[in-house]
């Protein structure tokens, strides 16, 4: 088989024919968990009316899981996974940079927590895609604790001490 023939020959994997239900269910479980964990983080952000809320966090998590599942299903090597993860990290960094805004000449910056939560959500999606469910769940629970209860405590502390409000 020549290189040209290999590229133009349709890829026939059992997953496309849905004859391998074990693989199909595993993929759907990984994507589903990524969606649920992204939702968990996004709800807290949505409640605070932040720029990246439920839908953004869900899409970042599911998208990251899908990007890593593709190479897994095609049989890429571990080095291939590494390249995909590097690309996801870079892309989400770019997305996060778009959420950070310098408000004035002072050292007042807004959006750092939103950027960080989006970046972590991508990591959770990658963990789901790789099948590392406990890593994904553990990260999501810790992130939720940082974003929601600690966010509330931070605001209470700032109000009590007369410190300026957190910008994100």
Protein backbone atom coordinates (compact mmCIF):
# COMPACT_ATOMS: atom_id res chain seq x y z
CA UNK A 1 0.00 0.00 0.00
CA UNK A 2 1.44 3.34 -1.01
CA UNK A 3 1.35 6.44 1.18
CA UNK A 4 -1.30 8.00 -1.05
CA UNK A 5 -3.53 4.94 -0.79
CA UNK A 6 -3.15 4.83 3.00
CA UNK A 7 -4.21 8.46 3.35
CA UNK A 8 -7.23 8.20 1.04
CA UNK A 9 -8.46 4.83 2.29
CA UNK A 10 -11.37 5.34 4.70
CA UNK A 11 -10.60 4.48 8.30
CA UNK A 12 -12.77 1.56 9.38
CA UNK A 13 -12.69 1.26 13.13
CA UNK A 14 -15.21 -0.88 15.03
CA UNK A 15 -16.35 2.19 16.97
CA UNK A 16 -17.84 3.75 13.83
CA UNK A 17 -19.98 0.70 13.25
CA UNK A 18 -21.02 0.58 16.91
CA UNK A 19 -20.26 -3.13 17.09
CA UNK A 20 -17.84 -2.63 19.97
CA UNK A 21 -20.20 -1.47 22.68
CA UNK A 22 -17.55 -1.71 25.41
CA UNK A 23 -15.44 0.95 23.70
CA UNK A 24 -18.48 3.07 22.88
CA UNK A 25 -19.72 3.00 26.48
CA UNK A 26 -16.24 3.78 27.83
CA UNK A 27 -15.94 6.78 25.51
CA UNK A 28 -19.40 8.03 26.45
CA UNK A 29 -18.61 7.59 30.17
CA UNK A 30 -15.41 9.59 29.83
CA UNK A 31 -17.12 12.39 27.90
CA UNK A 32 -20.08 12.34 30.28
CA UNK A 33 -17.89 12.64 33.36
CA UNK A 34 -15.97 15.47 31.72
CA UNK A 35 -19.28 17.28 31.10
CA UNK A 36 -20.52 16.77 34.66
CA UNK A 37 -17.26 17.92 36.25
CA UNK A 38 -17.09 20.95 33.94
CA UNK A 39 -20.67 21.75 34.96
CA UNK A 40 -19.74 21.47 38.65
CA UNK A 41 -17.06 24.12 38.26
CA UNK A 42 -19.11 26.26 35.90
CA UNK A 43 -22.14 26.49 38.20
CA UNK A 44 -20.08 28.21 40.88
CA UNK A 45 -18.69 30.68 38.36
CA UNK A 46 -22.13 31.24 36.81
CA UNK A 47 -23.62 31.98 40.23
CA UNK A 48 -21.06 34.75 40.64
CA UNK A 49 -21.85 36.04 37.11
CA UNK A 50 -18.30 35.53 35.88
CA UNK A 51 -17.42 35.62 32.19
CA UNK A 52 -16.76 31.87 31.97
CA UNK A 53 -19.73 29.98 33.40
CA UNK A 54 -21.44 26.62 33.03
CA UNK A 55 -21.37 26.26 29.27
CA UNK A 56 -17.78 27.47 28.91
CA UNK A 57 -16.46 25.10 31.58
CA UNK A 58 -18.45 22.17 30.17
CA UNK A 59 -17.21 22.83 26.63
CA UNK A 60 -13.60 23.18 27.74
CA UNK A 61 -13.77 19.94 29.71
CA UNK A 62 -15.57 17.89 27.05
CA UNK A 63 -13.42 19.37 24.29
CA UNK A 64 -10.23 18.47 26.13
CA UNK A 65 -11.49 14.93 26.71
CA UNK A 66 -12.42 14.60 23.04
CA UNK A 67 -9.02 15.87 21.90
CA UNK A 68 -7.26 13.20 23.95
CA UNK A 69 -9.75 10.43 23.11
CA UNK A 70 -9.13 10.83 19.38
CA UNK A 71 -5.48 9.79 19.54
CA UNK A 72 -6.29 7.00 21.99
CA UNK A 73 -8.92 5.53 19.67
CA UNK A 74 -6.60 5.81 16.67
CA UNK A 75 -3.82 3.99 18.50
CA UNK A 76 -1.29 6.81 18.77
CA UNK A 77 1.69 6.30 21.05
CA UNK A 78 2.18 7.91 24.44
CA UNK A 79 4.35 10.52 22.72
CA UNK A 80 1.33 11.37 20.59
CA UNK A 81 -0.80 11.90 23.70
CA UNK A 82 1.91 14.15 25.08
CA UNK A 83 1.81 16.34 21.98
CA UNK A 84 -1.98 16.58 22.15
CA UNK A 85 -1.86 17.55 25.83
CA UNK A 86 0.75 20.22 25.04
CA UNK A 87 -1.53 21.60 22.34
CA UNK A 88 -4.52 21.67 24.70
CA UNK A 89 -2.48 23.44 27.37
CA UNK A 90 -1.29 26.04 24.89
CA UNK A 91 -4.74 26.60 23.42
CA UNK A 92 -6.41 26.99 26.79
CA UNK A 93 -3.63 29.34 27.86
CA UNK A 94 -4.53 31.52 24.89
CA UNK A 95 -8.24 31.32 25.79
CA UNK A 96 -7.44 32.19 29.41
CA UNK A 97 -5.30 35.14 28.37
CA UNK A 98 -8.36 36.55 26.62
CA UNK A 99 -10.25 36.62 29.93
CA UNK A 100 -7.58 38.65 31.73
CA UNK A 101 -8.10 42.40 31.58
CA UNK A 102 -5.93 45.20 32.95
CA UNK A 103 -8.42 47.77 34.17
CA UNK A 104 -6.32 50.87 34.76
CA UNK A 105 -2.81 52.21 35.20
CA UNK A 106 -2.86 50.74 38.71
CA UNK A 107 -1.96 47.14 39.35
CA UNK A 108 -5.63 46.18 39.00
CA UNK A 109 -6.14 43.04 36.95
CA UNK A 110 -9.40 41.18 36.42
CA UNK A 111 -10.00 37.64 35.20
CA UNK A 112 -7.11 35.68 36.70
CA UNK A 113 -9.36 33.27 38.61
CA UNK A 114 -11.53 32.76 35.53
CA UNK A 115 -8.44 32.00 33.44
CA UNK A 116 -7.10 29.61 36.08
CA UNK A 117 -10.42 27.79 36.45
CA UNK A 118 -10.70 27.39 32.68
CA UNK A 119 -7.15 26.03 32.53
CA UNK A 120 -7.84 23.56 35.35
CA UNK A 121 -11.09 22.49 33.69
CA UNK A 122 -9.08 21.54 30.59
CA UNK A 123 -6.83 19.42 32.81
CA UNK A 124 -9.88 17.71 34.27
CA UNK A 125 -11.14 16.99 30.77
CA UNK A 126 -7.78 15.48 29.79
CA UNK A 127 -7.84 13.29 32.92
CA UNK A 128 -11.35 12.10 31.98
CA UNK A 129 -10.27 11.40 28.42
CA UNK A 130 -7.33 9.33 29.69
CA UNK A 131 -9.65 7.38 31.99
CA UNK A 132 -8.07 8.77 35.15
CA UNK A 133 -11.42 9.26 36.87
CA UNK A 134 -10.15 9.66 40.44
CA UNK A 135 -7.67 12.30 39.35
CA UNK A 136 -10.44 14.16 37.51
CA UNK A 137 -12.92 13.94 40.39
CA UNK A 138 -10.28 14.89 42.97
CA UNK A 139 -9.21 17.94 40.97
CA UNK A 140 -12.82 19.00 40.42
CA UNK A 141 -13.69 18.72 44.12
CA UNK A 142 -10.60 20.69 45.16
CA UNK A 143 -11.24 23.32 42.49
CA UNK A 144 -14.87 23.68 43.62
CA UNK A 145 -13.71 24.18 47.22
CA UNK A 146 -11.27 26.87 46.09
CA UNK A 147 -13.79 28.62 43.83
CA UNK A 148 -16.96 28.52 45.93
CA UNK A 149 -16.48 28.22 49.72
CA UNK A 150 -13.07 29.88 49.76
CA UNK A 151 -14.37 32.59 47.42
CA UNK A 152 -17.13 33.35 49.92
CA UNK A 153 -14.65 33.40 52.82
CA UNK A 154 -12.36 35.70 50.84
CA UNK A 155 -15.16 38.22 50.27
CA UNK A 156 -16.17 38.10 53.94
CA UNK A 157 -12.57 38.67 55.03
CA UNK A 158 -12.17 41.59 52.61
CA UNK A 159 -15.40 43.23 53.82
CA UNK A 160 -14.44 42.74 57.46
CA UNK A 161 -10.94 44.16 56.98
CA UNK A 162 -11.90 46.94 54.60
CA UNK A 163 -9.71 45.55 51.87
CA UNK A 164 -10.70 46.22 48.25
CA UNK A 165 -13.03 43.72 46.65
CA UNK A 166 -11.56 40.84 44.73
CA UNK A 167 -11.80 41.54 41.03
CA UNK A 168 -12.38 37.93 40.06
